[in-house]
Protein backbone atom coordinates (compact mmCIF):
# COMPACT_ATOMS: atom_id res chain seq x y z
CA MET A 1 -106.39 100.80 3.31
CA THR A 2 -105.39 97.73 5.29
CA GLN A 3 -102.39 98.71 7.40
CA ILE A 4 -99.23 96.78 6.64
CA PHE A 5 -98.98 95.12 10.09
CA GLU A 6 -102.72 94.76 10.69
CA GLY A 7 -103.49 91.41 12.33
CA VAL A 8 -99.94 91.02 13.69
CA ARG A 9 -99.76 90.55 17.47
CA VAL A 10 -96.49 91.56 19.12
CA VAL A 11 -95.61 90.67 22.71
CA GLU A 12 -92.97 93.18 23.80
CA LEU A 13 -90.73 92.53 26.81
CA ALA A 14 -88.42 95.51 26.43
CA GLN A 15 -87.30 98.63 28.24
CA TYR A 16 -86.01 102.14 27.54
CA VAL A 17 -85.90 103.12 23.83
CA PHE A 18 -84.12 100.96 21.23
CA VAL A 19 -86.32 97.85 21.13
CA PRO A 20 -89.57 99.54 22.26
CA ALA A 21 -89.14 102.02 19.38
CA ALA A 22 -89.26 99.10 16.93
CA GLY A 23 -92.54 98.07 18.55
CA THR A 24 -93.86 101.61 18.09
CA LEU A 25 -93.05 101.54 14.37
CA MET A 26 -95.16 98.38 14.11
CA ALA A 27 -97.99 99.81 16.22
CA ASP A 28 -98.06 102.91 14.01
CA HIS A 29 -98.91 100.69 11.05
CA GLY A 30 -101.51 98.40 12.53
CA ALA A 31 -99.83 95.85 14.80
CA GLU A 32 -101.27 95.07 18.23
CA VAL A 33 -98.29 95.60 20.52
CA ILE A 34 -98.68 94.25 24.06
CA LYS A 35 -96.05 95.74 26.35
CA ILE A 36 -95.22 93.41 29.26
CA GLU A 37 -94.05 95.30 32.36
CA PRO A 38 -93.32 94.37 35.97
CA PRO A 39 -96.07 95.41 38.39
CA GLY A 40 -95.33 98.44 40.51
CA LEU A 41 -92.77 100.45 38.52
CA GLY A 42 -93.07 99.16 34.98
CA ASP A 43 -90.56 100.08 32.31
CA PRO A 44 -87.84 102.15 34.09
CA TYR A 45 -88.17 104.69 31.28
CA ARG A 46 -91.48 105.77 32.79
CA THR A 47 -89.71 107.39 35.74
CA LEU A 48 -86.26 108.14 34.30
CA LYS A 49 -85.04 111.61 35.31
CA VAL A 50 -82.11 112.96 33.32
CA GLY A 51 -82.91 116.67 33.36
CA ASP A 52 -83.16 117.15 29.60
CA GLY A 53 -86.75 118.34 29.46
CA ARG A 54 -88.40 115.10 28.42
CA GLU A 55 -90.74 115.23 31.44
CA THR A 56 -93.20 118.12 31.31
CA ALA A 57 -96.04 118.95 33.66
CA ASN A 58 -98.51 117.10 31.45
CA ALA A 59 -96.58 114.44 29.54
CA ASN A 60 -93.51 112.24 29.47
CA LEU A 61 -92.59 113.11 25.91
CA SER A 62 -90.13 110.24 25.43
CA MET A 63 -92.66 107.67 26.65
CA GLU A 64 -95.20 109.01 24.16
CA GLN A 65 -92.70 109.00 21.29
CA ASN A 66 -91.55 105.43 21.95
CA ASN A 67 -94.62 103.67 23.34
CA ARG A 68 -97.65 105.28 21.72
CA GLY A 69 -100.38 102.98 20.48
CA LYS A 70 -99.40 100.02 22.67
CA LYS A 71 -101.26 98.05 25.33
CA SER A 72 -99.71 97.52 28.77
CA VAL A 73 -100.01 94.29 30.75
CA ALA A 74 -98.29 94.11 34.14
CA ILE A 75 -97.02 90.60 35.00
CA ASP A 76 -94.48 89.34 37.52
CA LEU A 77 -92.43 87.05 35.30
CA LYS A 78 -90.33 85.80 38.21
CA SER A 79 -93.35 83.86 39.49
CA ALA A 80 -94.32 80.54 37.93
CA GLU A 81 -97.87 81.69 37.32
CA GLY A 82 -96.72 84.96 35.78
CA ARG A 83 -94.36 83.18 33.43
CA GLU A 84 -97.16 80.82 32.39
CA LEU A 85 -99.38 83.80 31.61
CA LEU A 86 -96.70 85.17 29.31
CA LEU A 87 -96.33 81.82 27.59
CA ARG A 88 -100.08 81.68 27.01
CA LEU A 89 -99.84 85.09 25.37
CA ILE A 90 -96.91 83.85 23.31
CA GLU A 91 -99.15 81.11 21.91
CA THR A 92 -101.32 83.85 20.39
CA ALA A 93 -98.46 86.06 19.16
CA ASP A 94 -96.70 86.52 15.86
CA VAL A 95 -93.66 88.34 17.27
CA PHE A 96 -91.85 88.30 20.60
CA LEU A 97 -89.80 91.48 20.96
CA THR A 98 -87.22 91.76 23.73
CA SER A 99 -84.33 93.88 24.93
CA LEU A 100 -83.46 91.68 27.92
CA ARG A 101 -79.89 90.47 27.99
CA PRO A 102 -79.16 86.77 27.35
CA ARG A 103 -78.46 86.02 31.02
CA ALA A 104 -81.82 87.44 32.11
CA LEU A 105 -83.70 85.55 29.40
CA LYS A 106 -81.99 82.33 30.45
CA SER A 107 -82.88 82.94 34.09
CA LEU A 108 -86.53 83.52 33.18
CA ARG A 109 -86.48 80.52 30.80
CA LEU A 110 -87.57 82.73 27.93
CA GLU A 111 -84.89 81.81 25.42
CA PRO A 112 -85.83 81.05 21.81
CA GLU A 113 -86.13 77.30 22.38
CA ASP A 114 -88.44 77.87 25.36
CA LEU A 115 -90.87 79.95 23.35
CA LYS A 116 -90.62 77.84 20.22
CA GLN A 117 -92.06 74.91 22.18
CA ARG A 118 -95.21 76.95 22.72
CA ASN A 119 -95.34 78.61 19.30
CA PRO A 120 -93.21 77.20 16.45
CA ARG A 121 -94.36 80.02 14.14
CA LEU A 122 -93.11 82.77 16.44
CA ILE A 123 -90.69 85.43 15.21
CA TYR A 124 -88.34 85.88 18.17
CA ALA A 125 -86.84 89.37 17.78
CA ARG A 126 -84.08 90.61 20.07
CA GLY A 127 -81.87 93.66 20.29
CA ASN A 128 -79.09 94.63 22.69
CA GLY A 129 -75.93 96.70 22.94
CA LEU A 130 -73.14 94.50 21.63
CA GLY A 131 -74.77 91.51 19.94
CA PHE A 132 -75.60 87.96 20.96
CA LYS A 133 -72.30 86.21 20.27
CA GLY A 134 -68.93 86.72 21.89
CA ASP A 135 -67.81 87.17 25.45
CA GLU A 136 -69.56 90.52 25.92
CA ALA A 137 -73.08 89.57 24.83
CA ASP A 138 -74.34 90.20 28.37
CA LYS A 139 -72.67 93.59 28.79
CA ALA A 140 -75.05 96.48 29.39
CA GLY A 141 -75.29 98.81 26.42
CA TYR A 142 -77.09 102.08 25.74
CA ASP A 143 -76.94 104.27 22.66
CA ALA A 144 -74.34 106.65 24.11
CA SER A 145 -72.06 103.78 25.09
CA ALA A 146 -72.52 100.92 22.61
CA PHE A 147 -73.55 102.96 19.55
CA TRP A 148 -71.94 106.37 19.98
CA ALA A 149 -68.76 105.55 21.91
CA ARG A 150 -67.83 102.00 20.94
CA GLY A 151 -69.46 102.37 17.54
CA GLY A 152 -66.99 105.06 16.48
CA PHE A 153 -69.20 108.14 16.25
CA ALA A 154 -67.68 109.96 19.21
CA ASP A 155 -64.21 109.71 17.70
CA LEU A 156 -65.18 110.53 14.12
CA LEU A 157 -67.25 113.58 15.08
CA THR A 158 -64.82 115.05 17.59
CA ALA A 159 -62.07 117.40 16.42
CA PRO A 160 -58.62 115.98 17.19
CA ASP A 161 -57.71 118.98 19.35
CA ALA A 162 -61.02 119.16 21.23
CA GLU A 163 -60.92 119.20 25.02
CA THR A 164 -63.91 116.88 25.26
CA THR A 165 -65.73 114.55 22.90
CA THR A 166 -68.80 115.55 20.92
CA ARG A 167 -71.90 114.42 22.81
CA PRO A 168 -74.63 112.39 21.14
CA ARG A 169 -78.18 113.58 20.78
CA PRO A 170 -80.82 111.70 22.84
CA ALA A 171 -81.72 108.25 21.46
CA LEU A 172 -79.76 108.75 18.23
CA GLY A 173 -78.46 105.18 18.24
CA ASP A 174 -81.70 103.81 19.65
CA HIS A 175 -83.90 105.11 16.85
CA THR A 176 -81.39 104.22 14.16
CA SER A 177 -81.12 100.68 15.50
CA ALA A 178 -84.90 100.35 15.86
CA ILE A 179 -85.17 100.65 12.08
CA SER A 180 -82.63 97.82 11.73
CA LEU A 181 -84.66 95.64 14.09
CA LEU A 182 -87.89 96.45 12.28
CA ALA A 183 -86.30 95.35 9.00
CA ALA A 184 -85.29 92.07 10.63
CA ILE A 185 -88.81 91.48 11.99
CA ALA A 186 -90.45 92.23 8.65
CA SER A 187 -88.00 89.87 6.95
CA GLY A 188 -88.80 87.15 9.48
CA LEU A 189 -92.54 87.58 8.95
CA PHE A 190 -92.02 87.42 5.17
CA ARG A 191 -90.04 84.20 5.45
CA ARG A 192 -92.69 82.69 7.74
CA GLU A 193 -95.33 83.40 5.11
CA ARG A 194 -93.24 81.37 2.66
CA SER A 195 -92.13 78.53 4.96
CA GLY A 196 -94.64 78.50 7.81
CA GLU A 197 -91.79 78.46 10.32
CA GLY A 198 -90.70 80.98 12.92
CA MET A 199 -87.15 82.16 13.39
CA VAL A 200 -84.85 84.29 15.54
CA VAL A 201 -83.98 87.76 14.23
CA GLU A 202 -81.64 90.18 15.94
CA THR A 203 -79.47 93.25 15.78
CA SER A 204 -77.44 95.40 18.16
CA LEU A 205 -76.53 99.03 18.67
CA LEU A 206 -72.92 98.22 17.78
CA GLN A 207 -73.81 96.40 14.56
CA THR A 208 -76.02 99.26 13.44
CA ALA A 209 -73.25 101.76 14.15
CA ALA A 210 -70.84 99.76 11.99
CA TRP A 211 -73.36 99.74 9.14
CA VAL A 212 -74.05 103.47 9.40
CA LEU A 213 -70.29 104.18 9.39
CA SER A 214 -69.51 101.53 6.78
CA SER A 215 -68.24 104.08 4.23
CA ASP A 216 -65.49 105.08 6.67
CA LEU A 217 -65.01 101.56 7.98
CA VAL A 218 -64.35 99.84 4.65
CA ILE A 219 -61.79 102.49 3.72
CA ALA A 220 -60.08 102.22 7.10
CA ARG A 221 -59.83 98.45 6.67
CA SER A 222 -58.31 98.65 3.20
CA VAL A 223 -56.33 101.89 2.93
CA ALA A 224 -53.17 102.05 5.01
CA GLY A 225 -52.85 105.26 6.99
CA TYR A 226 -56.43 106.39 6.36
CA ASN A 227 -57.10 109.43 8.55
CA PRO A 228 -60.80 110.30 8.81
CA HIS A 229 -59.94 113.49 10.70
CA ALA A 230 -57.86 114.95 7.87
CA GLY A 231 -59.14 118.41 7.08
CA PHE A 232 -61.60 118.20 9.98
CA ARG A 233 -61.38 121.90 10.74
CA ALA A 234 -60.75 123.53 7.38
CA GLY A 235 -62.38 121.11 4.97
CA THR A 236 -60.63 122.75 2.03
CA LYS A 237 -60.07 119.60 -0.04
CA GLN A 238 -63.63 119.64 -1.37
CA PRO A 239 -64.65 123.32 -1.42
CA LEU A 240 -67.97 122.57 -3.15
CA MET A 241 -69.01 120.01 -0.54
CA ARG A 242 -68.91 122.01 2.68
CA ALA A 243 -70.89 124.63 4.59
CA TYR A 244 -70.39 128.39 4.41
CA LYS A 245 -71.53 130.93 6.98
CA THR A 246 -73.61 133.99 6.12
CA SER A 247 -73.16 137.36 7.79
CA ASP A 248 -76.07 136.66 10.16
CA GLY A 249 -74.74 133.30 11.32
CA ARG A 250 -76.71 130.89 9.10
CA TRP A 251 -74.92 128.07 7.29
CA ILE A 252 -75.42 127.08 3.65
CA GLN A 253 -74.38 123.50 2.92
CA LEU A 254 -73.14 122.87 -0.61
CA MET A 255 -73.07 119.28 -1.89
CA LEU A 256 -71.97 119.53 -5.52
CA LEU A 257 -70.91 115.94 -5.90
CA SER A 258 -70.89 116.29 -9.71
CA PRO A 259 -70.02 119.98 -10.04
CA ASP A 260 -69.30 120.45 -13.75
CA ARG A 261 -72.79 121.82 -14.53
CA PRO A 262 -73.59 123.65 -11.29
CA TRP A 263 -70.13 125.25 -10.95
CA PRO A 264 -70.76 128.02 -13.52
CA GLU A 265 -74.24 128.53 -12.07
CA LEU A 266 -72.80 128.94 -8.58
CA CYS A 267 -70.28 131.46 -9.85
CA GLU A 268 -73.09 133.49 -11.43
CA LEU A 269 -75.25 133.24 -8.29
CA LEU A 270 -72.37 134.53 -6.17
CA GLU A 271 -71.44 137.18 -8.74
CA LEU A 272 -68.04 135.56 -9.21
CA GLN A 273 -68.32 134.93 -12.97
CA GLU A 274 -64.59 135.53 -13.40
CA LEU A 275 -63.90 132.23 -11.62
CA VAL A 276 -65.61 130.13 -14.32
CA HIS A 277 -62.62 130.41 -16.64
CA ASP A 278 -59.96 130.80 -13.98
CA PRO A 279 -57.53 127.91 -14.71
CA ARG A 280 -57.16 127.26 -10.98
CA PHE A 281 -60.82 126.23 -10.83
CA ALA A 282 -61.66 125.14 -14.37
CA THR A 283 -61.88 121.42 -13.59
CA GLY A 284 -62.81 119.27 -10.63
CA ALA A 285 -59.20 118.22 -10.15
CA ALA A 286 -58.05 121.84 -10.27
CA ARG A 287 -60.66 122.91 -7.71
CA ILE A 288 -59.45 120.19 -5.34
CA GLU A 289 -55.80 121.12 -5.86
CA ASN A 290 -56.57 124.78 -5.23
CA GLY A 291 -59.26 124.13 -2.64
CA ALA A 292 -57.85 126.39 0.04
CA ALA A 293 -57.87 129.40 -2.26
CA LEU A 294 -61.39 128.67 -3.48
CA CYS A 295 -62.67 128.16 0.05
CA GLU A 296 -61.25 131.52 1.08
CA MET A 297 -63.08 133.24 -1.77
CA LEU A 298 -66.40 131.51 -1.04
CA ILE A 299 -66.11 132.19 2.69
CA GLU A 300 -65.54 135.89 2.00
CA ARG A 301 -68.32 136.22 -0.58
CA ILE A 302 -71.04 134.24 1.23
CA GLY A 303 -70.05 135.77 4.56
CA ALA A 304 -70.58 139.28 3.20
CA ARG A 305 -74.38 138.95 3.05
CA SER A 306 -77.18 137.68 5.25
CA TRP A 307 -79.39 134.68 4.54
CA ALA A 308 -82.23 137.11 3.82
CA GLU A 309 -80.13 138.47 0.97
CA TRP A 310 -78.82 135.11 -0.29
CA GLY A 311 -82.05 133.18 0.19
CA PRO A 312 -83.94 134.23 -2.98
CA LYS A 313 -80.91 133.45 -5.12
CA PHE A 314 -80.26 130.02 -3.62
CA LEU A 315 -83.94 129.09 -3.55
CA ALA A 316 -84.14 129.73 -7.29
CA TRP A 317 -81.11 127.50 -7.95
CA ASN A 318 -81.82 123.87 -8.83
CA ALA A 319 -78.78 122.20 -7.30
CA PRO A 320 -77.93 120.06 -4.24
CA TRP A 321 -77.59 122.58 -1.41
CA GLU A 322 -79.51 123.18 1.83
CA LEU A 323 -79.77 125.77 4.54
CA ILE A 324 -78.72 124.03 7.75
CA SER A 325 -81.89 123.78 9.84
CA THR A 326 -82.32 124.30 13.55
CA ILE A 327 -84.31 121.62 15.37
CA HIS A 328 -87.19 124.11 15.64
CA GLU A 329 -87.16 124.66 11.88
CA LEU A 330 -87.05 120.92 11.26
CA GLY A 331 -90.37 120.46 13.05
CA ASP A 332 -92.00 122.92 10.62
CA ASP A 333 -90.28 121.63 7.48
CA PRO A 334 -92.89 121.68 4.68
CA GLN A 335 -91.63 118.38 3.27
CA LEU A 336 -92.12 116.68 6.64
CA LYS A 337 -95.55 118.27 6.91
CA ALA A 338 -96.47 116.92 3.48
CA ALA A 339 -95.46 113.41 4.59
CA GLY A 340 -97.26 113.71 7.92
CA THR A 341 -94.01 112.93 9.73
CA VAL A 342 -94.66 115.26 12.68
CA PHE A 343 -98.21 114.73 13.88
CA PRO A 344 -100.35 115.61 16.91
CA LEU A 345 -101.11 112.94 19.50
CA THR A 346 -103.90 113.42 22.03
CA LEU A 347 -103.15 111.82 25.39
CA SER A 348 -105.58 110.30 27.86
CA ASN A 349 -105.46 113.49 29.97
CA GLY A 350 -106.61 115.54 26.98
CA VAL A 351 -103.23 117.14 26.36
CA THR A 352 -102.02 117.14 22.75
CA VAL A 353 -98.32 116.78 21.97
CA ASP A 354 -96.42 116.50 18.71
CA VAL A 355 -94.65 113.21 18.02
CA VAL A 356 -92.67 111.87 15.06
CA ALA A 357 -93.61 109.02 12.73
CA GLY A 358 -91.03 106.55 11.50
CA PRO A 359 -89.39 107.00 8.08
CA LEU A 360 -91.70 104.45 6.47
CA GLY A 361 -94.40 104.87 3.85
CA PHE A 362 -96.90 102.30 2.58
CA ASP A 363 -99.04 103.23 -0.43
CA GLY A 364 -98.16 106.83 0.24
CA VAL A 365 -99.11 106.76 3.92
CA CYS A 366 -96.29 107.54 6.38
CA ALA A 367 -98.04 108.75 9.52
CA PRO A 368 -100.30 106.37 11.45
CA GLU A 369 -103.95 106.56 10.45
CA ALA A 370 -104.86 106.74 14.14
CA SER A 371 -102.81 106.45 17.29
CA ALA A 372 -103.37 106.55 21.01
CA GLY A 373 -100.96 107.79 23.64
CA SER A 374 -98.67 105.46 25.54
CA PRO A 375 -100.58 103.21 27.96
CA SER A 376 -100.54 103.58 31.71
CA LEU A 377 -98.91 100.71 33.57
CA GLY A 378 -101.18 97.66 33.46
CA GLU A 379 -103.95 99.57 31.69
CA HIS A 380 -104.86 96.58 29.52
CA SER A 381 -104.04 93.70 31.89
CA ASP A 382 -107.62 92.60 32.42
CA ALA A 383 -108.72 92.86 28.80
CA ILE A 384 -105.69 91.08 27.34
CA LEU A 385 -105.60 88.33 29.96
CA ALA A 386 -109.36 87.80 29.62
CA SER A 387 -108.76 87.24 25.90
CA ILE A 388 -106.67 84.15 26.74
CA GLY A 389 -109.30 82.70 29.06
CA LEU A 390 -108.93 84.24 32.53
CA ASP A 391 -112.19 85.11 34.24
CA ALA A 392 -112.86 87.93 36.68
CA SER A 393 -112.31 85.83 39.80
CA GLU A 394 -108.97 84.53 38.55
CA LEU A 395 -107.84 88.03 37.61
CA ALA A 396 -108.77 89.25 41.09
CA ARG A 397 -106.84 86.40 42.73
CA LEU A 398 -103.72 87.08 40.63
CA ARG A 399 -103.91 90.79 41.40
CA THR A 400 -104.23 90.13 45.14
CA ALA A 401 -101.19 87.85 44.91
CA GLN A 402 -99.34 90.69 43.05
CA ILE A 403 -98.69 88.42 40.08
CA ILE A 404 -100.42 90.92 37.81
CA GLY A 405 -101.03 94.61 38.14
């Protein structure tokens, strides 16, 4: 099968996770992604130390997850010759992918109009924290700040009486926003196939957060006094759309959005057949009105047995429910295994680590057909720059001058 992005060359000038993750999604499905990094240190994510276990003795797991399958070229873009090298690469590219803030791009003279002069067919793709219009377009933004905090998640997912806010998981906003940026790039490439012209595509962590929370946001904008924290603790208003704890501490999430058919089945499963004809619970409206009483009964009944006891009954029930997974269970989920979502990646040092494919499938293929580990800094400088006409003596001169690495 021809991979969906085969033949697409991406020049990536991006750091950390959000925008590089979009490049990884393209590399997974056939694109040649050339990661441009400053000589010496490279992407700061290579050496980031936050104490969360991402750096092991044999691998930087986050680098592998977000930069696998790419090629690294080290260029000093602050030098005239280095900038010209980038522009020569741009002439050969289909996509320019960047996370640099507008002020930095202006200083480097790498704004859309600068690159369009060298390649009118280029898709110029950019992502940042707060967007590219407005007074704060240049403000620094990471997923925990622009997506989680300003984007509303921290407030919505923190109980009103909590002593501290709920913390985000690593790269939650980054990976969500990377999918948004990938959609924009694919749309730009599609339009170029129709028109022959390049264009600027963009998204931000904040915009993606607003889209993800749009169900809450549209209600808050239109319903006076809307309180998203109502029932945060008890959740008794919708007793058939909440989680219940078993005696051994596992949680069973019910999601009976249309409960008329599954309600009698649930009563039988739980050996509460007498509730089927109880007028307090006979209709959806009645179950909502008497939600607190129903919740109390379900909490008591489900909490009286372990998951080992409930499991066979629930697993035989064809209804929308799930056992809440731990992150360790998620990695072994048979549905993810069937899709190839979690797959082994062999690194240059021979170590094999598990990484995660994007949520994309093309002709039934979700995982990359083949993938290499993330590149070392400047690993492909000579090969890529030779492809645009530099000979060995010129490469040596530029390396001596520290313009490339």
